[in-house]
């Protein structure tokens, strides 16, 4: 069941316009475009998704491969602090939901009160202008250029 659901979710993600690359065993790589009206707009980030044997009953492990400066993403590991992925996951969610809703909302609405990157969270809370400047510096340094990308969110 889990493998069939995973395969269906990957096919639906491809049908939604995302390029999916296979990794080792149960992992795939997908590019996420910075959503409009976010600081991250105009660049893309590589995301790794690792599926457990219990998928979809257990959430996939999702992380940024491309470095990103964000309060809810660990800069070194790329791990994401997002309750929906970590504690509130249900099989009703799928990969399209993750890429069209959950991850864009993460980039649009950082939550400095639940940080993985304490430095970014503190800067966001204490000096939003400086935070925005630092985010832009990291985007310029690490964000991937958008080429041959059809999916705009």
N, C-alpha and C. Protein backbone atom coordinates (compact mmCIF):
# COMPACT_ATOMS: atom_id res chain seq x y z
N UNK A 1 0.83 -1.21 0.00
CA UNK A 1 0.00 0.00 0.00
C UNK A 1 0.86 1.26 0.00
N UNK A 2 1.86 1.29 0.90
CA UNK A 2 2.68 2.49 1.04
C UNK A 2 3.43 2.80 -0.25
N UNK A 3 3.99 1.79 -0.89
CA UNK A 3 4.73 2.04 -2.12
C UNK A 3 3.81 2.52 -3.24
N UNK A 4 2.62 1.95 -3.30
CA UNK A 4 1.66 2.38 -4.31
C UNK A 4 1.25 3.83 -4.08
N UNK A 5 0.96 4.19 -2.85
CA UNK A 5 0.58 5.57 -2.53
C UNK A 5 1.72 6.53 -2.83
N UNK A 6 2.94 6.15 -2.46
CA UNK A 6 4.11 6.99 -2.75
C UNK A 6 4.23 7.21 -4.25
N UNK A 7 4.10 6.15 -5.03
CA UNK A 7 4.21 6.27 -6.48
C UNK A 7 3.12 7.17 -7.06
N UNK A 8 1.91 7.03 -6.57
CA UNK A 8 0.80 7.87 -7.02
C UNK A 8 1.08 9.34 -6.68
N UNK A 9 1.58 9.58 -5.47
CA UNK A 9 1.89 10.96 -5.07
C UNK A 9 2.99 11.56 -5.93
N UNK A 10 4.00 10.76 -6.26
CA UNK A 10 5.08 11.26 -7.12
C UNK A 10 4.54 11.58 -8.51
N UNK A 11 3.71 10.71 -9.05
CA UNK A 11 3.11 10.95 -10.37
C UNK A 11 2.27 12.23 -10.35
N UNK A 12 1.49 12.42 -9.30
CA UNK A 12 0.66 13.63 -9.20
C UNK A 12 1.52 14.89 -9.06
N UNK A 13 2.65 14.79 -8.40
CA UNK A 13 3.57 15.91 -8.28
C UNK A 13 4.14 16.27 -9.64
N UNK A 14 4.50 15.27 -10.42
CA UNK A 14 5.00 15.49 -11.78
C UNK A 14 3.90 16.10 -12.65
N UNK A 15 2.68 15.58 -12.55
CA UNK A 15 1.55 16.13 -13.32
C UNK A 15 1.28 17.58 -12.94
N UNK A 16 1.59 17.96 -11.69
CA UNK A 16 1.40 19.35 -11.24
C UNK A 16 2.51 20.27 -11.74
N UNK A 17 3.49 19.72 -12.46
CA UNK A 17 4.51 20.54 -13.08
C UNK A 17 5.86 20.55 -12.39
N UNK A 18 6.06 19.68 -11.42
CA UNK A 18 7.34 19.63 -10.70
C UNK A 18 8.26 18.59 -11.32
N UNK A 19 9.54 18.93 -11.38
CA UNK A 19 10.55 17.99 -11.85
C UNK A 19 11.01 17.18 -10.64
N UNK A 20 10.94 15.87 -10.76
CA UNK A 20 11.30 14.97 -9.68
C UNK A 20 12.50 14.15 -10.11
N UNK A 21 13.52 14.12 -9.25
CA UNK A 21 14.70 13.30 -9.51
C UNK A 21 14.81 12.25 -8.42
N UNK A 22 15.10 11.03 -8.83
CA UNK A 22 15.24 9.95 -7.86
C UNK A 22 16.59 10.02 -7.16
N UNK A 23 16.57 9.72 -5.89
CA UNK A 23 17.79 9.62 -5.11
C UNK A 23 18.01 8.18 -4.71
N UNK A 24 18.70 8.00 -3.61
CA UNK A 24 18.95 6.65 -3.10
C UNK A 24 17.67 6.09 -2.49
N UNK A 25 17.45 4.80 -2.69
CA UNK A 25 16.37 4.06 -2.05
C UNK A 25 15.04 4.80 -2.08
N UNK A 26 14.61 5.29 -0.93
CA UNK A 26 13.29 5.90 -0.80
C UNK A 26 13.34 7.41 -0.74
N UNK A 27 14.20 8.06 -1.54
CA UNK A 27 14.25 9.50 -1.52
C UNK A 27 14.15 10.07 -2.93
N UNK A 28 13.57 11.26 -3.00
CA UNK A 28 13.48 12.00 -4.25
C UNK A 28 13.92 13.44 -3.99
N UNK A 29 14.26 14.12 -5.06
CA UNK A 29 14.63 15.54 -4.99
C UNK A 29 13.67 16.33 -5.87
N UNK A 30 13.20 17.44 -5.34
CA UNK A 30 12.25 18.29 -6.05
C UNK A 30 12.66 19.74 -5.81
N UNK A 31 12.55 20.57 -6.85
CA UNK A 31 12.85 22.00 -6.68
C UNK A 31 11.61 22.74 -6.21
N UNK A 32 11.83 23.63 -5.26
CA UNK A 32 10.77 24.48 -4.74
C UNK A 32 11.07 25.91 -5.15
N UNK A 33 10.12 26.53 -5.82
CA UNK A 33 10.27 27.94 -6.19
C UNK A 33 9.83 28.82 -5.03
N UNK A 34 10.56 29.90 -4.83
CA UNK A 34 10.15 30.87 -3.82
C UNK A 34 8.80 31.45 -4.21
N UNK A 35 7.83 31.43 -3.31
CA UNK A 35 6.48 31.92 -3.66
C UNK A 35 6.45 33.44 -3.83
N UNK A 36 5.54 33.88 -4.69
CA UNK A 36 5.31 35.32 -4.87
C UNK A 36 5.01 35.94 -3.52
N UNK A 37 5.39 37.18 -3.37
CA UNK A 37 5.17 37.95 -2.13
C UNK A 37 6.02 37.46 -0.96
N UNK A 38 7.02 36.62 -1.23
CA UNK A 38 7.94 36.21 -0.17
C UNK A 38 9.32 36.78 -0.49
N UNK A 39 10.17 36.84 0.51
CA UNK A 39 11.55 37.26 0.29
C UNK A 39 12.27 36.31 -0.66
N UNK A 40 11.79 35.10 -0.78
CA UNK A 40 12.47 34.05 -1.53
C UNK A 40 12.06 33.98 -3.00
N UNK A 41 11.16 34.84 -3.40
CA UNK A 41 10.65 34.84 -4.79
C UNK A 41 11.79 35.11 -5.77
N UNK A 42 11.78 34.39 -6.87
CA UNK A 42 12.77 34.60 -7.92
C UNK A 42 13.91 33.61 -7.91
N UNK A 43 13.94 32.74 -6.90
CA UNK A 43 14.97 31.69 -6.82
C UNK A 43 14.28 30.37 -6.50
N UNK A 44 15.05 29.30 -6.56
CA UNK A 44 14.51 27.99 -6.20
C UNK A 44 15.48 27.28 -5.27
N UNK A 45 14.94 26.29 -4.55
CA UNK A 45 15.71 25.51 -3.59
C UNK A 45 15.46 24.04 -3.84
N UNK A 46 16.52 23.25 -3.74
CA UNK A 46 16.39 21.81 -3.88
C UNK A 46 15.92 21.24 -2.54
N UNK A 47 14.91 20.40 -2.60
CA UNK A 47 14.31 19.77 -1.43
C UNK A 47 14.49 18.26 -1.55
N UNK A 48 14.88 17.62 -0.46
CA UNK A 48 14.95 16.16 -0.44
C UNK A 48 13.77 15.64 0.37
N UNK A 49 13.16 14.58 -0.15
CA UNK A 49 12.05 13.93 0.54
C UNK A 49 12.44 12.47 0.71
N UNK A 50 12.43 12.02 1.95
CA UNK A 50 12.72 10.62 2.26
C UNK A 50 11.45 9.97 2.80
N UNK A 51 11.07 8.88 2.18
CA UNK A 51 9.85 8.17 2.57
C UNK A 51 10.18 7.01 3.50
N UNK A 52 9.42 6.89 4.56
CA UNK A 52 9.54 5.71 5.42
C UNK A 52 8.69 4.61 4.81
N UNK A 53 8.87 3.41 5.30
CA UNK A 53 8.03 2.29 4.84
C UNK A 53 6.58 2.48 5.26
N UNK A 54 6.34 3.36 6.23
CA UNK A 54 4.98 3.60 6.74
C UNK A 54 4.26 4.74 6.03
N UNK A 55 4.88 5.33 4.99
CA UNK A 55 4.21 6.41 4.26
C UNK A 55 2.97 5.84 3.59
N UNK A 56 1.84 6.49 3.63
CA UNK A 56 1.53 7.85 4.05
C UNK A 56 1.08 7.98 5.51
N UNK A 57 1.17 6.89 6.26
CA UNK A 57 0.72 6.96 7.65
C UNK A 57 1.73 7.67 8.54
N UNK A 58 2.95 7.73 8.09
CA UNK A 58 3.99 8.51 8.75
C UNK A 58 4.49 9.53 7.74
N UNK A 59 4.71 10.76 8.20
CA UNK A 59 5.12 11.82 7.28
C UNK A 59 6.47 11.51 6.66
N UNK A 60 6.69 12.00 5.44
CA UNK A 60 8.03 11.87 4.88
C UNK A 60 8.96 12.84 5.60
N UNK A 61 10.24 12.54 5.54
CA UNK A 61 11.24 13.45 6.09
C UNK A 61 11.59 14.44 4.97
N UNK A 62 11.45 15.72 5.25
CA UNK A 62 11.64 16.74 4.22
C UNK A 62 12.68 17.73 4.69
N UNK A 63 13.62 18.05 3.81
CA UNK A 63 14.65 19.01 4.17
C UNK A 63 15.16 19.78 2.97
N UNK A 64 15.71 20.94 3.24
CA UNK A 64 16.33 21.75 2.20
C UNK A 64 17.74 21.22 1.95
N UNK A 65 18.05 20.95 0.69
CA UNK A 65 19.41 20.60 0.30
C UNK A 65 20.19 21.89 0.08
N UNK A 66 19.55 22.84 -0.58
CA UNK A 66 20.12 24.16 -0.80
C UNK A 66 20.06 24.93 0.50
N UNK A 67 21.14 25.58 0.86
CA UNK A 67 21.18 26.36 2.10
C UNK A 67 20.13 27.49 2.04
N UNK A 68 19.47 27.72 3.17
CA UNK A 68 18.46 28.77 3.25
C UNK A 68 18.48 29.37 4.66
N UNK A 69 18.36 30.67 4.73
CA UNK A 69 18.34 31.37 6.02
C UNK A 69 16.89 31.64 6.36
N UNK A 70 16.41 30.91 7.36
CA UNK A 70 14.98 30.95 7.71
C UNK A 70 14.85 30.49 9.16
N UNK A 71 14.00 31.14 9.95
CA UNK A 71 13.87 30.75 11.36
C UNK A 71 13.46 29.30 11.59
N UNK A 72 12.74 28.71 10.67
CA UNK A 72 12.20 27.37 10.88
C UNK A 72 12.94 26.28 10.11
N UNK A 73 14.14 26.63 9.61
CA UNK A 73 14.95 25.66 8.89
C UNK A 73 16.37 25.69 9.46
N UNK A 74 16.86 24.52 9.85
CA UNK A 74 18.23 24.45 10.34
C UNK A 74 19.19 24.72 9.18
N UNK A 75 20.04 25.72 9.35
CA UNK A 75 20.91 26.14 8.25
C UNK A 75 21.85 25.02 7.80
N UNK A 76 22.39 24.27 8.73
CA UNK A 76 23.39 23.25 8.37
C UNK A 76 22.77 21.97 7.83
N UNK A 77 21.71 21.49 8.46
CA UNK A 77 21.13 20.20 8.05
C UNK A 77 20.00 20.35 7.03
N UNK A 78 19.36 21.52 7.00
CA UNK A 78 18.21 21.72 6.12
C UNK A 78 16.90 21.20 6.71
N UNK A 79 16.96 20.65 7.92
CA UNK A 79 15.74 20.14 8.57
C UNK A 79 14.73 21.27 8.76
N UNK A 80 13.46 20.90 8.65
CA UNK A 80 12.37 21.86 8.73
C UNK A 80 11.61 21.66 10.03
N UNK A 81 11.31 22.77 10.71
CA UNK A 81 10.47 22.74 11.90
C UNK A 81 9.07 23.21 11.47
N UNK A 82 8.20 22.26 11.23
CA UNK A 82 6.85 22.56 10.78
C UNK A 82 5.92 21.51 11.39
N UNK A 83 5.02 21.94 12.27
CA UNK A 83 4.17 21.01 13.00
C UNK A 83 3.40 20.05 12.10
N UNK A 84 2.93 20.54 10.97
CA UNK A 84 2.14 19.68 10.08
C UNK A 84 2.98 18.49 9.61
N UNK A 85 4.25 18.73 9.39
CA UNK A 85 5.12 17.63 8.94
C UNK A 85 5.60 16.77 10.10
N UNK A 86 5.73 17.36 11.27
CA UNK A 86 6.34 16.64 12.38
C UNK A 86 5.34 15.99 13.34
N UNK A 87 4.26 16.68 13.68
CA UNK A 87 3.34 16.12 14.68
C UNK A 87 1.90 15.95 14.19
N UNK A 88 1.49 16.78 13.26
CA UNK A 88 0.07 16.79 12.87
C UNK A 88 -0.19 16.11 11.53
N UNK A 89 0.76 15.35 11.04
CA UNK A 89 0.63 14.71 9.74
C UNK A 89 -0.52 13.71 9.75
N UNK A 90 -1.27 13.69 8.65
CA UNK A 90 -2.27 12.65 8.43
C UNK A 90 -2.14 12.19 6.98
N UNK A 91 -2.60 10.99 6.65
CA UNK A 91 -2.51 10.50 5.28
C UNK A 91 -3.31 11.32 4.27
N UNK A 92 -4.12 12.26 4.75
CA UNK A 92 -4.87 13.12 3.84
C UNK A 92 -3.92 14.05 3.07
N UNK A 93 -2.77 14.35 3.66
CA UNK A 93 -1.77 15.17 2.97
C UNK A 93 -1.04 14.33 1.93
N UNK A 94 -0.53 15.02 0.91
CA UNK A 94 0.24 14.34 -0.12
C UNK A 94 1.35 15.27 -0.59
N UNK A 95 2.13 14.84 -1.55
CA UNK A 95 3.27 15.64 -2.00
C UNK A 95 2.85 16.96 -2.65
N UNK A 96 1.76 16.95 -3.38
CA UNK A 96 1.28 18.20 -3.99
C UNK A 96 0.90 19.19 -2.89
N UNK A 97 0.24 18.71 -1.84
CA UNK A 97 -0.10 19.57 -0.71
C UNK A 97 1.16 20.17 -0.09
N UNK A 98 2.18 19.35 0.06
CA UNK A 98 3.43 19.81 0.65
C UNK A 98 4.04 20.93 -0.20
N UNK A 99 4.10 20.73 -1.52
CA UNK A 99 4.79 21.68 -2.39
C UNK A 99 3.95 22.87 -2.81
N UNK A 100 2.65 22.75 -2.76
CA UNK A 100 1.81 23.88 -3.18
C UNK A 100 1.21 24.64 -2.01
N UNK A 101 1.25 24.06 -0.83
CA UNK A 101 0.66 24.74 0.33
C UNK A 101 1.64 24.84 1.50
N UNK A 102 2.09 23.72 2.02
CA UNK A 102 2.86 23.72 3.27
C UNK A 102 4.20 24.43 3.15
N UNK A 103 5.00 24.07 2.16
CA UNK A 103 6.32 24.71 2.02
C UNK A 103 6.21 26.18 1.59
N UNK A 104 5.31 26.53 0.65
CA UNK A 104 5.16 27.96 0.36
C UNK A 104 4.73 28.78 1.58
N UNK A 105 3.83 28.22 2.41
CA UNK A 105 3.42 28.94 3.62
C UNK A 105 4.59 29.09 4.59
N UNK A 106 5.44 28.09 4.66
CA UNK A 106 6.63 28.18 5.50
C UNK A 106 7.49 29.37 5.07
N UNK A 107 7.65 29.55 3.77
CA UNK A 107 8.48 30.65 3.27
C UNK A 107 7.77 32.00 3.36
N UNK A 108 6.47 32.00 3.21
CA UNK A 108 5.71 33.25 3.30
C UNK A 108 5.55 33.73 4.74
N UNK A 109 5.40 32.81 5.67
CA UNK A 109 5.08 33.17 7.06
C UNK A 109 6.03 32.49 8.04
N UNK A 110 7.30 32.93 8.08
CA UNK A 110 8.23 32.35 9.05
C UNK A 110 7.70 32.53 10.47
N UNK A 111 7.95 31.55 11.32
CA UNK A 111 7.49 31.61 12.71
C UNK A 111 8.70 31.66 13.64
N UNK A 112 9.08 32.86 14.08
CA UNK A 112 10.26 32.97 14.94
C UNK A 112 10.01 32.44 16.36
N UNK A 113 8.78 32.10 16.69
CA UNK A 113 8.48 31.57 18.02
C UNK A 113 8.67 30.05 18.11
N UNK A 114 8.96 29.40 16.99
CA UNK A 114 9.20 27.96 16.96
C UNK A 114 10.41 27.68 16.08
N UNK A 115 11.60 28.17 16.49
CA UNK A 115 12.74 28.17 15.58
C UNK A 115 13.57 26.89 15.55
N UNK A 116 14.19 26.66 14.41
CA UNK A 116 15.29 25.72 14.24
C UNK A 116 16.58 26.52 14.11
N UNK A 117 16.45 27.73 13.55
CA UNK A 117 17.59 28.64 13.41
C UNK A 117 17.34 29.79 14.39
N UNK A 118 17.93 29.66 15.57
CA UNK A 118 17.69 30.62 16.65
C UNK A 118 18.20 32.01 16.27
N UNK A 119 19.34 32.07 15.58
CA UNK A 119 19.88 33.36 15.16
C UNK A 119 18.91 34.09 14.24
N UNK A 120 18.38 33.38 13.25
CA UNK A 120 17.43 33.99 12.31
C UNK A 120 16.16 34.43 13.03
N UNK A 121 15.69 33.60 13.96
CA UNK A 121 14.47 33.92 14.71
C UNK A 121 14.67 35.17 15.56
N UNK A 122 15.80 35.25 16.23
CA UNK A 122 16.09 36.40 17.08
C UNK A 122 16.20 37.67 16.26
N UNK A 123 16.89 37.57 15.13
CA UNK A 123 17.05 38.74 14.27
C UNK A 123 15.69 39.18 13.71
N UNK A 124 14.86 38.24 13.34
CA UNK A 124 13.54 38.57 12.81
C UNK A 124 12.70 39.29 13.86
N UNK A 125 12.77 38.82 15.09
CA UNK A 125 11.98 39.42 16.17
C UNK A 125 12.50 40.81 16.57
N UNK A 126 13.81 40.98 16.53
CA UNK A 126 14.42 42.20 17.07
C UNK A 126 14.74 43.28 16.05
N UNK A 127 14.93 42.89 14.78
CA UNK A 127 15.28 43.88 13.76
C UNK A 127 14.87 43.34 12.39
N UNK A 128 13.63 43.52 12.04
CA UNK A 128 13.08 42.95 10.81
C UNK A 128 13.81 43.46 9.56
N UNK A 129 14.22 44.71 9.57
CA UNK A 129 14.93 45.24 8.40
C UNK A 129 16.27 44.55 8.21
N UNK A 130 17.01 44.37 9.30
CA UNK A 130 18.29 43.66 9.19
C UNK A 130 18.06 42.20 8.82
N UNK A 131 17.02 41.59 9.38
CA UNK A 131 16.67 40.21 9.03
C UNK A 131 16.44 40.10 7.52
N UNK A 132 15.64 41.01 6.96
CA UNK A 132 15.35 40.98 5.53
C UNK A 132 16.63 41.13 4.71
N UNK A 133 17.55 41.98 5.17
CA UNK A 133 18.82 42.18 4.47
C UNK A 133 19.65 40.90 4.49
N UNK A 134 19.73 40.25 5.66
CA UNK A 134 20.51 39.02 5.78
C UNK A 134 19.88 37.91 4.93
N UNK A 135 18.56 37.79 4.96
CA UNK A 135 17.89 36.79 4.12
C UNK A 135 18.25 37.02 2.66
N UNK A 136 18.22 38.26 2.21
CA UNK A 136 18.54 38.56 0.81
C UNK A 136 19.99 38.20 0.48
N UNK A 137 20.90 38.45 1.40
CA UNK A 137 22.31 38.08 1.18
C UNK A 137 22.45 36.57 0.99
N UNK A 138 21.75 35.80 1.81
CA UNK A 138 21.80 34.34 1.70
C UNK A 138 21.10 33.86 0.43
N UNK A 139 20.03 34.51 0.06
CA UNK A 139 19.34 34.15 -1.20
C UNK A 139 20.28 34.37 -2.37
N UNK A 140 20.94 35.52 -2.38
CA UNK A 140 21.88 35.82 -3.47
C UNK A 140 23.03 34.82 -3.52
N UNK A 141 23.47 34.37 -2.35
CA UNK A 141 24.61 33.45 -2.28
C UNK A 141 24.21 32.01 -2.60
N UNK A 142 23.09 31.54 -2.07
CA UNK A 142 22.75 30.12 -2.18
C UNK A 142 21.55 29.79 -3.07
N UNK A 143 20.62 30.72 -3.25
CA UNK A 143 19.43 30.43 -4.05
C UNK A 143 19.80 30.03 -5.46
N UNK A 144 19.12 29.03 -5.97
CA UNK A 144 19.39 28.54 -7.33
C UNK A 144 18.61 29.36 -8.34
N UNK A 145 19.26 29.61 -9.47
CA UNK A 145 18.59 30.35 -10.54
C UNK A 145 17.46 29.51 -11.12
N UNK A 146 16.42 30.19 -11.52
CA UNK A 146 15.27 29.51 -12.12
C UNK A 146 15.53 29.41 -13.62
N UNK A 147 15.72 28.18 -14.07
CA UNK A 147 15.91 27.90 -15.50
C UNK A 147 15.10 26.67 -15.84
N UNK A 148 14.46 26.70 -16.96
CA UNK A 148 13.65 25.57 -17.43
C UNK A 148 12.65 25.12 -16.37
N UNK A 149 12.13 26.07 -15.65
CA UNK A 149 11.16 25.76 -14.61
C UNK A 149 9.80 26.27 -15.06
N UNK A 150 8.81 25.40 -15.08
CA UNK A 150 7.50 25.81 -15.55
C UNK A 150 6.53 26.14 -14.42
N UNK A 151 6.77 25.57 -13.26
CA UNK A 151 5.82 25.74 -12.16
C UNK A 151 6.10 27.05 -11.42
N UNK A 152 5.18 27.98 -11.46
CA UNK A 152 5.29 29.24 -10.74
C UNK A 152 4.19 29.26 -9.70
N UNK A 153 4.55 29.54 -8.45
CA UNK A 153 3.55 29.56 -7.38
C UNK A 153 3.46 30.93 -6.78
